[in-house]
Each structure stands twice: as structure tokens, then as C-alpha cells.
Amino acid sequence: MNIDPMVALARAYVIRQKVQYASDDSVTGKQAMALRKDAAEGRMDHLEEYGIALNKLAGPTIQKLSEIGVHDMPANSDQISMLVEWVSQRKGGISISAVWEMIGVKASTGRGYTSGRSEISWPVWFTLRALALEE
């Protein structure tokens, strides 16, 4: 499964908003996975956040992420998290661990990148971005 990059990125924005700004601040992994599946199946496409993300945020975000080069490393944890969520949506809502495993990175190492505890290398960033942008 390979969903259109703009649609997948808009869905990733919605998921990130729901996970980051949950009222009780405690979205479990199981709940996040359910959000990913719902988004991948288009069950969130009617939300206002999705429309805003698709029409106003996706294009500039793709441009910005595409322009990041080796000299811009390390990328910040928000950019990495968005990129991983975007790949998840491109691949049908797979788990974040599965995204990391697709590119040969241990899930625990990936969590270090998204939390800011570890700096992502250029080859890992480039590979994630290539998966997100692939046609």
C-alpha cells in the first residue's frame, strides 16, 4: 500500500495533533495504533484538521523537508516524528516500530531519535525521507 504523499502527510498531521494534544496527555501505544489505522482507512478525512493540513500545511511541509540536507543535520525531533508518522501513513498505518524496522533501525534507537535523546544521522534521515516521498 502506498498512499498519495499529500494525503498521507495530512493524515500524519491529524494523528500528531491528537497524540500530542490529548486532553489527558496519555495516549497509549494501542490507542495511537488505532488512530493510525483509522487515518489510513480514511476515517478522519472528514475532520476540519485534515482539511487544513491537506490544503495549507502539506505542501509547505513537503517542500521544507525536501530541502533539508546533510549540512542541516541533526534534524529536530518534531521533524523526525512527523517524517516517521508520514511514512506510517504512506504504508497503510503501520506501527512506528515497523517504520524503523523497515529501514534497519531498532525501534529503541528510533525512539531515541524522536525523543531528542539521540541525533539522527544523515543516511537514516535520507532513507526515511525517501520512503515518505516515494512515488
Protein backbone atom coordinates (compact mmCIF):
# COMPACT_ATOMS: atom_id res chain seq x y z
CA MET A 1 0.00 0.00 0.00
CA ASN A 2 1.36 3.39 -0.94
CA ILE A 3 -0.95 6.34 -0.25
CA ASP A 4 -0.53 9.69 -2.02
CA PRO A 5 2.15 11.76 -0.24
CA MET A 6 -0.08 14.81 0.37
CA VAL A 7 -2.96 12.73 1.75
CA ALA A 8 -0.60 10.69 3.94
CA LEU A 9 1.07 13.81 5.31
CA ALA A 10 -2.29 15.45 6.10
CA ARG A 11 -3.32 12.29 7.96
CA ALA A 12 0.01 12.30 9.81
CA TYR A 13 -0.68 15.87 10.95
CA VAL A 14 -4.06 14.85 12.36
CA ILE A 15 -2.55 11.91 14.23
CA ARG A 16 0.27 14.04 15.65
CA GLN A 17 -2.26 16.63 16.85
CA LYS A 18 -4.42 14.00 18.52
CA VAL A 19 -1.46 12.29 20.19
CA GLN A 20 0.42 15.45 21.20
CA TYR A 21 -2.56 17.40 22.46
CA ALA A 22 -4.66 14.69 24.09
CA SER A 23 -6.60 16.21 26.97
CA ASP A 24 -5.40 13.60 29.44
CA ASP A 25 -1.87 13.68 27.97
CA SER A 26 -1.63 9.90 27.99
CA VAL A 27 -2.38 8.29 24.64
CA THR A 28 -1.26 4.70 24.91
CA GLY A 29 0.55 2.85 22.15
CA LYS A 30 -2.58 0.83 21.48
CA GLN A 31 -4.68 3.99 21.14
CA ALA A 32 -2.09 5.58 18.85
CA MET A 33 -2.08 2.47 16.67
CA ALA A 34 -5.90 2.62 16.44
CA LEU A 35 -5.62 6.28 15.36
CA ARG A 36 -3.09 5.29 12.67
CA LYS A 37 -5.38 2.57 11.32
CA ASP A 38 -8.42 4.87 11.33
CA ALA A 39 -6.47 7.56 9.50
CA ALA A 40 -5.03 5.13 6.95
CA GLU A 41 -8.55 3.90 6.18
CA GLY A 42 -9.78 7.47 5.64
CA ARG A 43 -11.95 7.62 8.76
CA MET A 44 -10.50 11.00 9.74
CA ASP A 45 -10.61 12.66 6.34
CA HIS A 46 -13.84 14.49 7.26
CA LEU A 47 -12.23 16.32 10.19
CA GLU A 48 -11.52 20.04 9.92
CA GLU A 49 -7.90 19.42 10.96
CA TYR A 50 -7.45 17.11 7.97
CA GLY A 51 -8.74 19.72 5.52
CA ILE A 52 -6.45 22.38 6.96
CA ALA A 53 -3.47 20.03 6.88
CA LEU A 54 -4.17 18.95 3.31
CA ASN A 55 -4.84 22.41 1.92
CA LYS A 56 -2.43 24.59 3.89
CA LEU A 57 0.28 22.55 5.59
CA ALA A 58 1.18 19.53 3.47
CA GLY A 59 2.71 21.35 0.50
CA PRO A 60 4.98 23.68 2.52
CA THR A 61 5.99 20.82 4.82
CA ILE A 62 6.97 18.61 1.89
CA GLN A 63 9.00 21.49 0.48
CA LYS A 64 10.72 22.18 3.81
CA LEU A 65 11.55 18.53 4.49
CA SER A 66 12.79 18.09 0.92
CA GLU A 67 15.22 20.97 1.34
CA ILE A 68 16.91 19.57 4.46
CA GLY A 69 20.41 18.48 3.55
CA VAL A 70 23.37 16.88 5.23
CA HIS A 71 24.55 20.31 6.43
CA ASP A 72 21.24 20.72 8.34
CA MET A 73 21.77 17.64 10.48
CA PRO A 74 20.76 16.80 13.06
CA ALA A 75 17.09 17.31 12.28
CA ASN A 76 14.93 18.21 15.25
CA SER A 77 12.76 15.60 16.97
CA ASP A 78 9.48 17.13 15.71
CA GLN A 79 10.66 16.84 12.10
CA ILE A 80 11.72 13.24 12.69
CA SER A 81 8.43 12.36 14.39
CA MET A 82 6.43 13.88 11.54
CA LEU A 83 8.51 12.05 8.96
CA VAL A 84 8.04 8.70 10.73
CA GLU A 85 4.28 9.26 11.09
CA TRP A 86 4.15 10.24 7.41
CA VAL A 87 5.87 7.00 6.37
CA SER A 88 3.46 5.07 8.60
CA GLN A 89 0.54 6.59 6.71
CA ARG A 90 2.15 6.00 3.31
CA LYS A 91 2.41 2.32 4.26
CA GLY A 92 -1.18 1.93 5.45
CA GLY A 93 -0.94 2.97 9.09
CA ILE A 94 1.78 0.58 10.20
CA SER A 95 3.30 0.96 13.65
CA ILE A 96 6.15 3.36 14.29
CA SER A 97 8.31 0.40 15.29
CA ALA A 98 7.59 -1.19 11.91
CA VAL A 99 8.67 2.01 10.14
CA TRP A 100 12.02 1.96 11.93
CA GLU A 101 12.45 -1.74 11.23
CA MET A 102 11.76 -1.17 7.51
CA ILE A 103 14.94 0.87 7.29
CA GLY A 104 17.03 -1.35 9.54
CA VAL A 105 16.87 0.77 12.70
CA LYS A 106 15.95 -0.77 16.05
CA ALA A 107 12.72 0.64 17.45
CA SER A 108 14.52 1.70 20.64
CA THR A 109 17.04 3.68 18.60
CA GLY A 110 14.18 5.28 16.67
CA ARG A 111 12.52 6.30 19.94
CA GLY A 112 15.80 7.96 20.89
CA TYR A 113 15.68 9.98 17.66
CA THR A 114 12.06 11.08 18.12
CA SER A 115 12.55 11.96 21.78
CA GLY A 116 15.67 14.03 21.08
CA ARG A 117 17.90 11.78 23.21
CA SER A 118 19.91 10.75 20.13
CA GLU A 119 20.89 12.62 16.98
CA ILE A 120 19.71 11.11 13.73
CA SER A 121 22.36 10.55 11.07
CA TRP A 122 22.07 11.78 7.51
CA PRO A 123 21.73 8.28 5.97
CA VAL A 124 18.84 7.41 8.30
CA TRP A 125 17.11 10.76 7.69
CA PHE A 126 17.61 10.47 3.93
CA THR A 127 16.16 6.94 3.90
CA LEU A 128 13.08 7.97 5.90
CA ARG A 129 12.51 10.96 3.66
CA ALA A 130 12.87 8.83 0.53
CA LEU A 131 10.22 6.44 1.84
CA ALA A 132 7.88 9.32 2.63
CA LEU A 133 8.30 10.93 -0.79
CA GLU A 134 8.46 7.84 -2.99
CA GLU A 135 6.04 7.77 -5.86
